[in-house]
Full PDB file with SEQRES, HELIX, SHEET, SSBOND, CRYST1, ORIGX, SCALE, CONECT and MASTER records, all heavy atoms in Angstrom:
SEQRES   1 A   41  LEU LEU LEU LEU PHE ASN ASP TYR SER ILE ALA GLY THR          
SEQRES   2 A   41  LYS ILE TYR ASP TYR LEU ALA VAL LYS ARG ARG ILE LEU          
SEQRES   3 A   41  LEU CYS TYR THR ASN ASP LYS GLU ALA LEU ASN LEU LYS          
SEQRES   4 A   41  SER LYS                                                      
HELIX    1 AA1 LYS A   14  ALA A   20  1                                   7    
HELIX    2 AA2 LYS A   33  SER A   40  1                                   8    
SHEET    1 AA1 2 LEU A   2  PHE A   5  0                                        
SHEET    2 AA1 2 ILE A  25  CYS A  28  1                                        
CRYST1    1.000    1.000    1.000  90.00  90.00  90.00 P 1           1          
ORIGX1      1.000000  0.000000  0.000000        0.00000                         
ORIGX2      0.000000  1.000000  0.000000        0.00000                         
ORIGX3      0.000000  0.000000  1.000000        0.00000                         
SCALE1      1.000000  0.000000  0.000000        0.00000                         
SCALE2      0.000000  1.000000  0.000000        0.00000                         
SCALE3      0.000000  0.000000  1.000000        0.00000                         
ATOM      1  N   LEU A   1       4.145  -7.182  -3.689  1.00  0.00           N  
ATOM      2  CA  LEU A   1       3.362  -8.251  -3.117  1.00  0.00           C  
ATOM      3  C   LEU A   1       1.888  -8.016  -3.389  1.00  0.00           C  
ATOM      4  O   LEU A   1       1.421  -6.867  -3.455  1.00  0.00           O  
ATOM      5  CB  LEU A   1       3.575  -8.346  -1.597  1.00  0.00           C  
ATOM      6  CG  LEU A   1       4.986  -8.634  -1.112  1.00  0.00           C  
ATOM      7  CD1 LEU A   1       5.094  -8.362   0.390  1.00  0.00           C  
ATOM      8  CD2 LEU A   1       5.401 -10.056  -1.427  1.00  0.00           C  
ATOM      9  N   LEU A   2       1.116  -9.116  -3.515  1.00  0.00           N  
ATOM     10  CA  LEU A   2      -0.315  -9.035  -3.762  1.00  0.00           C  
ATOM     11  C   LEU A   2      -1.038  -9.761  -2.644  1.00  0.00           C  
ATOM     12  O   LEU A   2      -0.837 -10.953  -2.417  1.00  0.00           O  
ATOM     13  CB  LEU A   2      -0.634  -9.645  -5.120  1.00  0.00           C  
ATOM     14  CG  LEU A   2       0.111  -9.045  -6.312  1.00  0.00           C  
ATOM     15  CD1 LEU A   2      -0.227  -9.779  -7.594  1.00  0.00           C  
ATOM     16  CD2 LEU A   2      -0.202  -7.557  -6.463  1.00  0.00           C  
ATOM     17  N   LEU A   3      -1.901  -9.038  -1.949  1.00  0.00           N  
ATOM     18  CA  LEU A   3      -2.630  -9.551  -0.796  1.00  0.00           C  
ATOM     19  C   LEU A   3      -3.846 -10.335  -1.257  1.00  0.00           C  
ATOM     20  O   LEU A   3      -4.635  -9.869  -2.083  1.00  0.00           O  
ATOM     21  CB  LEU A   3      -3.036  -8.428   0.122  1.00  0.00           C  
ATOM     22  CG  LEU A   3      -3.913  -8.778   1.316  1.00  0.00           C  
ATOM     23  CD1 LEU A   3      -3.204  -9.735   2.259  1.00  0.00           C  
ATOM     24  CD2 LEU A   3      -4.344  -7.490   2.061  1.00  0.00           C  
ATOM     25  N   LEU A   4      -4.022 -11.529  -0.722  1.00  0.00           N  
ATOM     26  CA  LEU A   4      -5.143 -12.377  -1.013  1.00  0.00           C  
ATOM     27  C   LEU A   4      -5.725 -12.901   0.286  1.00  0.00           C  
ATOM     28  O   LEU A   4      -4.996 -13.438   1.118  1.00  0.00           O  
ATOM     29  CB  LEU A   4      -4.700 -13.547  -1.911  1.00  0.00           C  
ATOM     30  CG  LEU A   4      -5.757 -14.540  -2.380  1.00  0.00           C  
ATOM     31  CD1 LEU A   4      -6.714 -13.878  -3.384  1.00  0.00           C  
ATOM     32  CD2 LEU A   4      -5.104 -15.772  -2.983  1.00  0.00           C  
ATOM     33  N   PHE A   5      -7.024 -12.756   0.479  1.00  0.00           N  
ATOM     34  CA  PHE A   5      -7.665 -13.310   1.671  1.00  0.00           C  
ATOM     35  C   PHE A   5      -8.192 -14.703   1.380  1.00  0.00           C  
ATOM     36  O   PHE A   5      -8.615 -15.009   0.256  1.00  0.00           O  
ATOM     37  CB  PHE A   5      -8.818 -12.392   2.128  1.00  0.00           C  
ATOM     38  CG  PHE A   5      -8.356 -11.095   2.708  1.00  0.00           C  
ATOM     39  CD1 PHE A   5      -8.662  -9.898   2.074  1.00  0.00           C  
ATOM     40  CD2 PHE A   5      -7.632 -11.055   3.876  1.00  0.00           C  
ATOM     41  CE1 PHE A   5      -8.227  -8.686   2.605  1.00  0.00           C  
ATOM     42  CE2 PHE A   5      -7.179  -9.846   4.421  1.00  0.00           C  
ATOM     43  CZ  PHE A   5      -7.471  -8.674   3.781  1.00  0.00           C  
ATOM     44  N   ASN A   6      -8.193 -15.523   2.400  1.00  0.00           N  
ATOM     45  CA  ASN A   6      -8.581 -16.932   2.254  1.00  0.00           C  
ATOM     46  C   ASN A   6     -10.095 -17.063   2.017  1.00  0.00           C  
ATOM     47  O   ASN A   6     -10.898 -16.593   2.857  1.00  0.00           O  
ATOM     48  CB  ASN A   6      -8.185 -17.710   3.503  1.00  0.00           C  
ATOM     49  CG  ASN A   6      -8.168 -19.225   3.259  1.00  0.00           C  
ATOM     50  OD1 ASN A   6      -8.744 -19.713   2.313  1.00  0.00           O  
ATOM     51  ND2 ASN A   6      -7.498 -19.934   4.133  1.00  0.00           N  
ATOM     52  N   ASP A   7     -10.484 -17.653   0.914  1.00  0.00           N  
ATOM     53  CA  ASP A   7     -11.884 -17.934   0.615  1.00  0.00           C  
ATOM     54  C   ASP A   7     -12.171 -19.431   0.685  1.00  0.00           C  
ATOM     55  O   ASP A   7     -13.182 -19.887   0.158  1.00  0.00           O  
ATOM     56  CB  ASP A   7     -12.259 -17.372  -0.766  1.00  0.00           C  
ATOM     57  CG  ASP A   7     -12.378 -15.871  -0.756  1.00  0.00           C  
ATOM     58  OD1 ASP A   7     -12.720 -15.312   0.291  1.00  0.00           O  
ATOM     59  OD2 ASP A   7     -12.101 -15.246  -1.778  1.00  0.00           O  
ATOM     60  N   TYR A   8     -11.253 -20.180   1.258  1.00  0.00           N  
ATOM     61  CA  TYR A   8     -11.454 -21.577   1.640  1.00  0.00           C  
ATOM     62  C   TYR A   8     -11.870 -22.484   0.491  1.00  0.00           C  
ATOM     63  O   TYR A   8     -11.053 -22.799  -0.379  1.00  0.00           O  
ATOM     64  CB  TYR A   8     -12.427 -21.643   2.820  1.00  0.00           C  
ATOM     65  CG  TYR A   8     -11.992 -20.741   3.945  1.00  0.00           C  
ATOM     66  CD1 TYR A   8     -12.576 -19.504   4.156  1.00  0.00           C  
ATOM     67  CD2 TYR A   8     -10.947 -21.109   4.791  1.00  0.00           C  
ATOM     68  CE1 TYR A   8     -12.157 -18.662   5.177  1.00  0.00           C  
ATOM     69  CE2 TYR A   8     -10.500 -20.289   5.807  1.00  0.00           C  
ATOM     70  CZ  TYR A   8     -11.098 -19.066   6.006  1.00  0.00           C  
ATOM     71  OH  TYR A   8     -10.659 -18.233   6.994  1.00  0.00           O  
ATOM     72  N   SER A   9     -13.129 -22.869   0.408  1.00  0.00           N  
ATOM     73  CA  SER A   9     -13.581 -23.777  -0.661  1.00  0.00           C  
ATOM     74  C   SER A   9     -13.839 -23.082  -1.971  1.00  0.00           C  
ATOM     75  O   SER A   9     -14.188 -23.706  -2.969  1.00  0.00           O  
ATOM     76  CB  SER A   9     -14.855 -24.513  -0.204  1.00  0.00           C  
ATOM     77  OG  SER A   9     -15.858 -23.559   0.175  1.00  0.00           O  
ATOM     78  N   ILE A  10     -13.647 -21.759  -2.009  1.00  0.00           N  
ATOM     79  CA  ILE A  10     -13.876 -20.968  -3.228  1.00  0.00           C  
ATOM     80  C   ILE A  10     -12.524 -20.431  -3.697  1.00  0.00           C  
ATOM     81  O   ILE A  10     -11.826 -19.735  -2.977  1.00  0.00           O  
ATOM     82  CB  ILE A  10     -14.840 -19.801  -2.959  1.00  0.00           C  
ATOM     83  CG1 ILE A  10     -16.157 -20.329  -2.374  1.00  0.00           C  
ATOM     84  CG2 ILE A  10     -15.071 -18.989  -4.223  1.00  0.00           C  
ATOM     85  CD1 ILE A  10     -17.110 -19.220  -1.891  1.00  0.00           C  
ATOM     86  N   ALA A  11     -12.184 -20.728  -4.940  1.00  0.00           N  
ATOM     87  CA  ALA A  11     -10.908 -20.213  -5.490  1.00  0.00           C  
ATOM     88  C   ALA A  11     -11.066 -18.762  -5.895  1.00  0.00           C  
ATOM     89  O   ALA A  11     -10.108 -17.957  -5.824  1.00  0.00           O  
ATOM     90  CB  ALA A  11     -10.447 -21.030  -6.679  1.00  0.00           C  
ATOM     91  N   GLY A  12     -12.269 -18.361  -6.362  1.00  0.00           N  
ATOM     92  CA  GLY A  12     -12.473 -16.977  -6.795  1.00  0.00           C  
ATOM     93  C   GLY A  12     -11.776 -16.691  -8.134  1.00  0.00           C  
ATOM     94  O   GLY A  12     -11.294 -17.593  -8.819  1.00  0.00           O  
ATOM     95  N   THR A  13     -11.683 -15.429  -8.454  1.00  0.00           N  
ATOM     96  CA  THR A  13     -11.015 -15.013  -9.698  1.00  0.00           C  
ATOM     97  C   THR A  13      -9.732 -14.226  -9.446  1.00  0.00           C  
ATOM     98  O   THR A  13      -8.860 -14.176 -10.299  1.00  0.00           O  
ATOM     99  CB  THR A  13     -11.962 -14.158 -10.550  1.00  0.00           C  
ATOM    100  OG1 THR A  13     -12.340 -12.990  -9.811  1.00  0.00           O  
ATOM    101  CG2 THR A  13     -13.197 -14.929 -10.954  1.00  0.00           C  
ATOM    102  N   LYS A  14      -9.641 -13.610  -8.269  1.00  0.00           N  
ATOM    103  CA  LYS A  14      -8.514 -12.722  -7.978  1.00  0.00           C  
ATOM    104  C   LYS A  14      -7.175 -13.420  -8.082  1.00  0.00           C  
ATOM    105  O   LYS A  14      -6.217 -12.894  -8.586  1.00  0.00           O  
ATOM    106  CB  LYS A  14      -8.700 -12.122  -6.579  1.00  0.00           C  
ATOM    107  CG  LYS A  14      -7.840 -10.908  -6.311  1.00  0.00           C  
ATOM    108  CD  LYS A  14      -7.868 -10.499  -4.852  1.00  0.00           C  
ATOM    109  CE  LYS A  14      -9.209 -10.592  -4.193  1.00  0.00           C  
ATOM    110  NZ  LYS A  14     -10.192  -9.630  -4.698  1.00  0.00           N  
ATOM    111  N   ILE A  15      -7.124 -14.669  -7.581  1.00  0.00           N  
ATOM    112  CA  ILE A  15      -5.847 -15.390  -7.566  1.00  0.00           C  
ATOM    113  C   ILE A  15      -5.282 -15.591  -8.974  1.00  0.00           C  
ATOM    114  O   ILE A  15      -4.076 -15.572  -9.191  1.00  0.00           O  
ATOM    115  CB  ILE A  15      -6.008 -16.743  -6.825  1.00  0.00           C  
ATOM    116  CG1 ILE A  15      -4.623 -17.365  -6.619  1.00  0.00           C  
ATOM    117  CG2 ILE A  15      -6.922 -17.686  -7.585  1.00  0.00           C  
ATOM    118  CD1 ILE A  15      -4.652 -18.571  -5.695  1.00  0.00           C  
ATOM    119  N   TYR A  16      -6.159 -15.718  -9.949  1.00  0.00           N  
ATOM    120  CA  TYR A  16      -5.693 -15.927 -11.329  1.00  0.00           C  
ATOM    121  C   TYR A  16      -5.070 -14.649 -11.887  1.00  0.00           C  
ATOM    122  O   TYR A  16      -4.065 -14.704 -12.583  1.00  0.00           O  
ATOM    123  CB  TYR A  16      -6.841 -16.434 -12.193  1.00  0.00           C  
ATOM    124  CG  TYR A  16      -7.429 -17.717 -11.710  1.00  0.00           C  
ATOM    125  CD1 TYR A  16      -8.718 -17.774 -11.149  1.00  0.00           C  
ATOM    126  CD2 TYR A  16      -6.704 -18.904 -11.763  1.00  0.00           C  
ATOM    127  CE1 TYR A  16      -9.262 -18.958 -10.687  1.00  0.00           C  
ATOM    128  CE2 TYR A  16      -7.228 -20.089 -11.293  1.00  0.00           C  
ATOM    129  CZ  TYR A  16      -8.506 -20.105 -10.745  1.00  0.00           C  
ATOM    130  OH  TYR A  16      -9.043 -21.302 -10.289  1.00  0.00           O  
ATOM    131  N   ASP A  17      -5.669 -13.508 -11.595  1.00  0.00           N  
ATOM    132  CA  ASP A  17      -5.099 -12.241 -12.031  1.00  0.00           C  
ATOM    133  C   ASP A  17      -3.707 -12.049 -11.354  1.00  0.00           C  
ATOM    134  O   ASP A  17      -2.763 -11.566 -11.991  1.00  0.00           O  
ATOM    135  CB  ASP A  17      -5.992 -11.074 -11.669  1.00  0.00           C  
ATOM    136  CG  ASP A  17      -7.203 -10.986 -12.586  1.00  0.00           C  
ATOM    137  OD1 ASP A  17      -7.149 -11.560 -13.680  1.00  0.00           O  
ATOM    138  OD2 ASP A  17      -8.210 -10.384 -12.176  1.00  0.00           O  
ATOM    139  N   TYR A  18      -3.619 -12.432 -10.111  1.00  0.00           N  
ATOM    140  CA  TYR A  18      -2.350 -12.307  -9.383  1.00  0.00           C  
ATOM    141  C   TYR A  18      -1.290 -13.206 -10.033  1.00  0.00           C  
ATOM    142  O   TYR A  18      -0.127 -12.804 -10.184  1.00  0.00           O  
ATOM    143  CB  TYR A  18      -2.529 -12.702  -7.929  1.00  0.00           C  
ATOM    144  CG  TYR A  18      -3.237 -11.678  -7.063  1.00  0.00           C  
ATOM    145  CD1 TYR A  18      -3.760 -10.499  -7.606  1.00  0.00           C  
ATOM    146  CD2 TYR A  18      -3.375 -11.894  -5.708  1.00  0.00           C  
ATOM    147  CE1 TYR A  18      -4.415  -9.567  -6.788  1.00  0.00           C  
ATOM    148  CE2 TYR A  18      -4.005 -10.962  -4.875  1.00  0.00           C  
ATOM    149  CZ  TYR A  18      -4.540  -9.796  -5.429  1.00  0.00           C  
ATOM    150  OH  TYR A  18      -5.161  -8.890  -4.629  1.00  0.00           O  
ATOM    151  N   LEU A  19      -1.687 -14.417 -10.414  1.00  0.00           N  
ATOM    152  CA  LEU A  19      -0.739 -15.320 -11.080  1.00  0.00           C  
ATOM    153  C   LEU A  19      -0.257 -14.727 -12.401  1.00  0.00           C  
ATOM    154  O   LEU A  19       0.916 -14.864 -12.775  1.00  0.00           O  
ATOM    155  CB  LEU A  19      -1.397 -16.673 -11.360  1.00  0.00           C  
ATOM    156  CG  LEU A  19      -1.673 -17.592 -10.160  1.00  0.00           C  
ATOM    157  CD1 LEU A  19      -2.460 -18.817 -10.601  1.00  0.00           C  
ATOM    158  CD2 LEU A  19      -0.382 -18.025  -9.495  1.00  0.00           C  
ATOM    159  N   ALA A  20      -1.158 -14.014 -13.091  1.00  0.00           N  
ATOM    160  CA  ALA A  20      -0.861 -13.513 -14.417  1.00  0.00           C  
ATOM    161  C   ALA A  20       0.309 -12.510 -14.407  1.00  0.00           C  
ATOM    162  O   ALA A  20       1.129 -12.487 -15.310  1.00  0.00           O  
ATOM    163  CB  ALA A  20      -2.079 -12.876 -15.036  1.00  0.00           C  
ATOM    164  N   VAL A  21       0.365 -11.676 -13.363  1.00  0.00           N  
ATOM    165  CA  VAL A  21       1.348 -10.594 -13.347  1.00  0.00           C  
ATOM    166  C   VAL A  21       2.679 -11.002 -12.666  1.00  0.00           C  
ATOM    167  O   VAL A  21       3.587 -10.207 -12.574  1.00  0.00           O  
ATOM    168  CB  VAL A  21       0.782  -9.328 -12.671  1.00  0.00           C  
ATOM    169  CG1 VAL A  21      -0.386  -8.795 -13.471  1.00  0.00           C  
ATOM    170  CG2 VAL A  21       0.399  -9.583 -11.238  1.00  0.00           C  
ATOM    171  N   LYS A  22       2.751 -12.258 -12.202  1.00  0.00           N  
ATOM    172  CA  LYS A  22       3.973 -12.787 -11.613  1.00  0.00           C  
ATOM    173  C   LYS A  22       4.544 -11.925 -10.514  1.00  0.00           C  
ATOM    174  O   LYS A  22       5.682 -11.397 -10.588  1.00  0.00           O  
ATOM    175  CB  LYS A  22       5.033 -13.019 -12.711  1.00  0.00           C  
ATOM    176  CG  LYS A  22       4.679 -14.187 -13.641  1.00  0.00           C  
ATOM    177  CD  LYS A  22       5.822 -14.504 -14.591  1.00  0.00           C  
ATOM    178  CE  LYS A  22       5.493 -15.741 -15.448  1.00  0.00           C  
ATOM    179  NZ  LYS A  22       5.445 -16.961 -14.648  1.00  0.00           N  
ATOM    180  N   ARG A  23       3.714 -11.716  -9.500  1.00  0.00           N  
ATOM    181  CA  ARG A  23       4.160 -11.068  -8.267  1.00  0.00           C  
ATOM    182  C   ARG A  23       3.828 -12.011  -7.111  1.00  0.00           C  
ATOM    183  O   ARG A  23       2.834 -12.725  -7.142  1.00  0.00           O  
ATOM    184  CB  ARG A  23       3.450  -9.714  -8.058  1.00  0.00           C  
ATOM    185  CG  ARG A  23       3.853  -8.665  -9.065  1.00  0.00           C  
ATOM    186  CD  ARG A  23       5.295  -8.240  -8.907  1.00  0.00           C  
ATOM    187  NE  ARG A  23       5.734  -7.288  -9.921  1.00  0.00           N  
ATOM    188  CZ  ARG A  23       6.302  -7.608 -11.070  1.00  0.00           C  
ATOM    189  NH1 ARG A  23       6.533  -8.889 -11.349  1.00  0.00           N  
ATOM    190  NH2 ARG A  23       6.664  -6.692 -11.923  1.00  0.00           N  
ATOM    191  N   ARG A  24       4.640 -12.011  -6.086  1.00  0.00           N  
ATOM    192  CA  ARG A  24       4.458 -12.926  -4.981  1.00  0.00           C  
ATOM    193  C   ARG A  24       3.100 -12.648  -4.280  1.00  0.00           C  
ATOM    194  O   ARG A  24       2.737 -11.502  -4.043  1.00  0.00           O  
ATOM    195  CB  ARG A  24       5.590 -12.823  -3.969  1.00  0.00           C  
ATOM    196  CG  ARG A  24       6.932 -13.236  -4.542  1.00  0.00           C  
ATOM    197  CD  ARG A  24       7.973 -13.298  -3.407  1.00  0.00           C  
ATOM    198  NE  ARG A  24       9.320 -13.206  -3.932  1.00  0.00           N  
ATOM    199  CZ  ARG A  24      10.405 -13.205  -3.165  1.00  0.00           C  
ATOM    200  NH1 ARG A  24      10.294 -13.329  -1.844  1.00  0.00           N  
ATOM    201  NH2 ARG A  24      11.603 -13.103  -3.716  1.00  0.00           N  
ATOM    202  N   ILE A  25       2.399 -13.731  -3.958  1.00  0.00           N  
ATOM    203  CA  ILE A  25       1.082 -13.652  -3.351  1.00  0.00           C  
ATOM    204  C   ILE A  25       1.185 -13.911  -1.859  1.00  0.00           C  
ATOM    205  O   ILE A  25       1.887 -14.823  -1.420  1.00  0.00           O  
ATOM    206  CB  ILE A  25       0.131 -14.673  -4.005  1.00  0.00           C  
ATOM    207  CG1 ILE A  25       0.000 -14.395  -5.491  1.00  0.00           C  
ATOM    208  CG2 ILE A  25      -1.247 -14.628  -3.339  1.00  0.00           C  
ATOM    209  CD1 ILE A  25      -0.748 -15.481  -6.257  1.00  0.00           C  
ATOM    210  N   LEU A  26       0.440 -13.111  -1.063  1.00  0.00           N  
ATOM    211  CA  LEU A  26       0.340 -13.326   0.381  1.00  0.00           C  
ATOM    212  C   LEU A  26      -1.079 -13.801   0.702  1.00  0.00           C  
ATOM    213  O   LEU A  26      -2.039 -12.984   0.638  1.00  0.00           O  
ATOM    214  CB  LEU A  26       0.627 -12.008   1.121  1.00  0.00           C  
ATOM    215  CG  LEU A  26       2.057 -11.586   1.354  1.00  0.00           C  
ATOM    216  CD1 LEU A  26       2.069 -10.153   1.904  1.00  0.00           C  
ATOM    217  CD2 LEU A  26       2.764 -12.512   2.309  1.00  0.00           C  
ATOM    218  N   LEU A  27      -1.268 -15.050   1.003  1.00  0.00           N  
ATOM    219  CA  LEU A  27      -2.573 -15.578   1.368  1.00  0.00           C  
ATOM    220  C   LEU A  27      -2.745 -15.488   2.885  1.00  0.00           C  
ATOM    221  O   LEU A  27      -1.990 -16.095   3.656  1.00  0.00           O  
ATOM    222  CB  LEU A  27      -2.717 -17.014   0.915  1.00  0.00           C  
ATOM    223  CG  LEU A  27      -4.028 -17.718   1.345  1.00  0.00           C  
ATOM    224  CD1 LEU A  27      -5.227 -17.033   0.669  1.00  0.00           C  
ATOM    225  CD2 LEU A  27      -3.988 -19.194   0.998  1.00  0.00           C  
ATOM    226  N   CYS A  28      -3.745 -14.729   3.339  1.00  0.00           N  
ATOM    227  CA  CYS A  28      -4.001 -14.552   4.759  1.00  0.00           C  
ATOM    228  C   CYS A  28      -5.429 -15.007   5.110  1.00  0.00           C  
ATOM    229  O   CYS A  28      -6.370 -14.452   4.547  1.00  0.00           O  
ATOM    230  CB  CYS A  28      -3.847 -13.076   5.122  1.00  0.00           C  
ATOM    231  SG  CYS A  28      -2.213 -12.389   4.869  1.00  0.00           S  
ATOM    232  N   TYR A  29      -5.633 -15.924   5.988  1.00  0.00           N  
ATOM    233  CA  TYR A  29      -4.689 -16.783   6.696  1.00  0.00           C  
ATOM    234  C   TYR A  29      -5.139 -18.212   6.519  1.00  0.00           C  
ATOM    235  O   TYR A  29      -6.288 -18.460   6.128  1.00  0.00           O  
ATOM    236  CB  TYR A  29      -4.648 -16.458   8.177  1.00  0.00           C  
ATOM    237  CG  TYR A  29      -4.260 -15.035   8.537  1.00  0.00           C  
ATOM    238  CD1 TYR A  29      -5.227 -14.138   9.005  1.00  0.00           C  
ATOM    239  CD2 TYR A  29      -2.949 -14.589   8.436  1.00  0.00           C  
ATOM    240  CE1 TYR A  29      -4.880 -12.832   9.363  1.00  0.00           C  
ATOM    241  CE2 TYR A  29      -2.609 -13.291   8.789  1.00  0.00           C  
ATOM    242  CZ  TYR A  29      -3.552 -12.422   9.246  1.00  0.00           C  
ATOM    243  OH  TYR A  29      -3.202 -11.144   9.598  1.00  0.00           O  
ATOM    244  N   THR A  30      -4.275 -19.170   6.870  1.00  0.00           N  
ATOM    245  CA  THR A  30      -4.666 -20.583   6.766  1.00  0.00           C  
ATOM    246  C   THR A  30      -5.161 -21.165   8.092  1.00  0.00           C  
ATOM    247  O   THR A  30      -5.917 -22.118   8.104  1.00  0.00           O  
ATOM    248  CB  THR A  30      -3.522 -21.444   6.243  1.00  0.00           C  
ATOM    249  OG1 THR A  30      -2.406 -21.352   7.156  1.00  0.00           O  
ATOM    250  CG2 THR A  30      -3.097 -20.987   4.867  1.00  0.00           C  
ATOM    251  N   ASN A  31      -4.701 -20.566   9.220  1.00  0.00           N  
ATOM    252  CA  ASN A  31      -5.136 -21.103  10.532  1.00  0.00           C  
ATOM    253  C   ASN A  31      -5.013 -20.045  11.592  1.00  0.00           C  
ATOM    254  O   ASN A  31      -4.243 -20.195  12.567  1.00  0.00           O  
ATOM    255  CB  ASN A  31      -4.308 -22.343  10.877  1.00  0.00           C  
ATOM    256  CG  ASN A  31      -4.868 -23.088  12.088  1.00  0.00           C  
ATOM    257  OD1 ASN A  31      -6.038 -22.942  12.419  1.00  0.00           O  
ATOM    258  ND2 ASN A  31      -4.013 -23.849  12.744  1.00  0.00           N  
ATOM    259  N   ASP A  32      -5.754 -18.974  11.451  1.00  0.00           N  
ATOM    260  CA  ASP A  32      -5.705 -17.861  12.389  1.00  0.00           C  
ATOM    261  C   ASP A  32      -7.019 -17.821  13.179  1.00  0.00           C  
ATOM    262  O   ASP A  32      -8.119 -17.941  12.603  1.00  0.00           O  
ATOM    263  CB  ASP A  32      -5.533 -16.543  11.618  1.00  0.00           C  
ATOM    264  CG  ASP A  32      -5.506 -15.334  12.518  1.00  0.00           C  
ATOM    265  OD1 ASP A  32      -4.427 -15.029  13.082  1.00  0.00           O  
ATOM    266  OD2 ASP A  32      -6.578 -14.712  12.682  1.00  0.00           O  
ATOM    267  N   LYS A  33      -6.933 -17.671  14.486  1.00  0.00           N  
ATOM    268  CA  LYS A  33      -8.130 -17.742  15.328  1.00  0.00           C  
ATOM    269  C   LYS A  33      -9.164 -16.705  14.975  1.00  0.00           C  
ATOM    270  O   LYS A  33     -10.358 -17.010  14.812  1.00  0.00           O  
ATOM    271  CB  LYS A  33      -7.719 -17.582  16.810  1.00  0.00           C  
ATOM    272  CG  LYS A  33      -8.885 -17.725  17.791  1.00  0.00           C  
ATOM    273  CD  LYS A  33      -8.411 -17.618  19.231  1.00  0.00           C  
ATOM    274  CE  LYS A  33      -9.597 -17.752  20.184  1.00  0.00           C  
ATOM    275  NZ  LYS A  33      -9.161 -17.642  21.601  1.00  0.00           N  
ATOM    276  N   GLU A  34      -8.736 -15.445  14.797  1.00  0.00           N  
ATOM    277  CA  GLU A  34      -9.682 -14.386  14.473  1.00  0.00           C  
ATOM    278  C   GLU A  34     -10.321 -14.657  13.087  1.00  0.00           C  
ATOM    279  O   GLU A  34     -11.546 -14.487  12.910  1.00  0.00           O  
ATOM    280  CB  GLU A  34      -8.972 -13.042  14.444  1.00  0.00           C  
ATOM    281  CG  GLU A  34      -9.876 -11.868  14.055  1.00  0.00           C  
ATOM    282  CD  GLU A  34      -9.116 -10.541  13.974  1.00  0.00           C  
ATOM    283  OE1 GLU A  34      -8.043 -10.439  14.614  1.00  0.00           O  
ATOM    284  OE2 GLU A  34      -9.583  -9.638  13.261  1.00  0.00           O  
ATOM    285  N   ALA A  35      -9.499 -15.060  12.118  1.00  0.00           N  
ATOM    286  CA  ALA A  35     -10.015 -15.327  10.767  1.00  0.00           C  
ATOM    287  C   ALA A  35     -11.019 -16.511  10.790  1.00  0.00           C  
ATOM    288  O   ALA A  35     -12.057 -16.443  10.104  1.00  0.00           O  
ATOM    289  CB  ALA A  35      -8.877 -15.623   9.829  1.00  0.00           C  
ATOM    290  N   LEU A  36     -10.740 -17.522  11.560  1.00  0.00           N  
ATOM    291  CA  LEU A  36     -11.632 -18.678  11.619  1.00  0.00           C  
ATOM    292  C   LEU A  36     -12.956 -18.317  12.300  1.00  0.00           C  
ATOM    293  O   LEU A  36     -14.013 -18.849  11.926  1.00  0.00           O  
ATOM    294  CB  LEU A  36     -10.961 -19.814  12.358  1.00  0.00           C  
ATOM    295  CG  LEU A  36      -9.794 -20.481  11.607  1.00  0.00           C  
ATOM    296  CD1 LEU A  36      -9.111 -21.537  12.505  1.00  0.00           C  
ATOM    297  CD2 LEU A  36     -10.269 -21.143  10.325  1.00  0.00           C  
ATOM    298  N   ASN A  37     -12.924 -17.406  13.267  1.00  0.00           N  
ATOM    299  CA  ASN A  37     -14.164 -16.908  13.901  1.00  0.00           C  
ATOM    300  C   ASN A  37     -15.013 -16.176  12.861  1.00  0.00           C  
ATOM    301  O   ASN A  37     -16.237 -16.280  12.826  1.00  0.00           O  
ATOM    302  CB  ASN A  37     -13.855 -16.030  15.085  1.00  0.00           C  
ATOM    303  CG  ASN A  37     -13.356 -16.791  16.280  1.00  0.00           C  
ATOM    304  OD1 ASN A  37     -13.625 -17.990  16.397  1.00  0.00           O  
ATOM    305  ND2 ASN A  37     -12.620 -16.139  17.169  1.00  0.00           N  
ATOM    306  N   LEU A  38     -14.354 -15.344  12.048  1.00  0.00           N  
ATOM    307  CA  LEU A  38     -15.052 -14.632  10.997  1.00  0.00           C  
ATOM    308  C   LEU A  38     -15.662 -15.597   9.983  1.00  0.00           C  
ATOM    309  O   LEU A  38     -16.795 -15.414   9.515  1.00  0.00           O  
ATOM    310  CB  LEU A  38     -14.113 -13.647  10.285  1.00  0.00           C  
ATOM    311  CG  LEU A  38     -13.650 -12.448  11.103  1.00  0.00           C  
ATOM    312  CD1 LEU A  38     -12.552 -11.671  10.345  1.00  0.00           C  
ATOM    313  CD2 LEU A  38     -14.824 -11.502  11.421  1.00  0.00           C  
ATOM    314  N   LYS A  39     -14.890 -16.647   9.647  1.00  0.00           N  
ATOM    315  CA  LYS A  39     -15.403 -17.639   8.722  1.00  0.00           C  
ATOM    316  C   LYS A  39     -16.638 -18.308   9.263  1.00  0.00           C  
ATOM    317  O   LYS A  39     -17.644 -18.520   8.560  1.00  0.00           O  
ATOM    318  CB  LYS A  39     -14.322 -18.673   8.423  1.00  0.00           C  
ATOM    319  CG  LYS A  39     -14.785 -19.771   7.463  1.00  0.00           C  
ATOM    320  CD  LYS A  39     -13.900 -20.987   7.454  1.00  0.00           C  
ATOM    321  CE  LYS A  39     -14.459 -22.067   6.548  1.00  0.00           C  
ATOM    322  NZ  LYS A  39     -13.747 -23.333   6.676  1.00  0.00           N  
ATOM    323  N   SER A  40     -16.558 -18.705  10.552  1.00  0.00           N  
ATOM    324  CA  SER A  40     -17.708 -19.408  11.156  1.00  0.00           C  
ATOM    325  C   SER A  40     -18.960 -18.548  11.161  1.00  0.00           C  
ATOM    326  O   SER A  40     -20.069 -19.044  10.987  1.00  0.00           O  
ATOM    327  CB  SER A  40     -17.329 -19.765  12.595  1.00  0.00           C  
ATOM    328  OG  SER A  40     -18.415 -20.354  13.272  1.00  0.00           O  
ATOM    329  N   LYS A  41     -18.782 -17.238  11.260  1.00  0.00           N  
ATOM    330  CA  LYS A  41     -19.916 -16.325  11.352  1.00  0.00           C  
ATOM    331  C   LYS A  41     -20.472 -15.904   9.997  1.00  0.00           C  
ATOM    332  O   LYS A  41     -21.685 -15.779   9.810  1.00  0.00           O  
ATOM    333  CB  LYS A  41     -19.521 -15.100  12.146  1.00  0.00           C  
ATOM    334  CG  LYS A  41     -20.662 -14.132  12.450  1.00  0.00           C  
ATOM    335  CD  LYS A  41     -20.180 -13.018  13.362  1.00  0.00           C  
ATOM    336  CE  LYS A  41     -21.338 -12.060  13.718  1.00  0.00           C  
ATOM    337  NZ  LYS A  41     -20.893 -10.972  14.613  1.00  0.00           N  
TER     338      LYS A  41                                                      
MASTER        0    0    0    2    2    0    0    6  337    1    0    4          
END                                                                             
């Protein structure tokens, strides 16, 4: 598995490398209270 953190409006470059090697991606998170607080700050 390949861990990916949510960058919201930014796709970044990491996700493309993950796609290249064909391993399942774990995007954390789409609607988590702690993560959204960090985003706001």
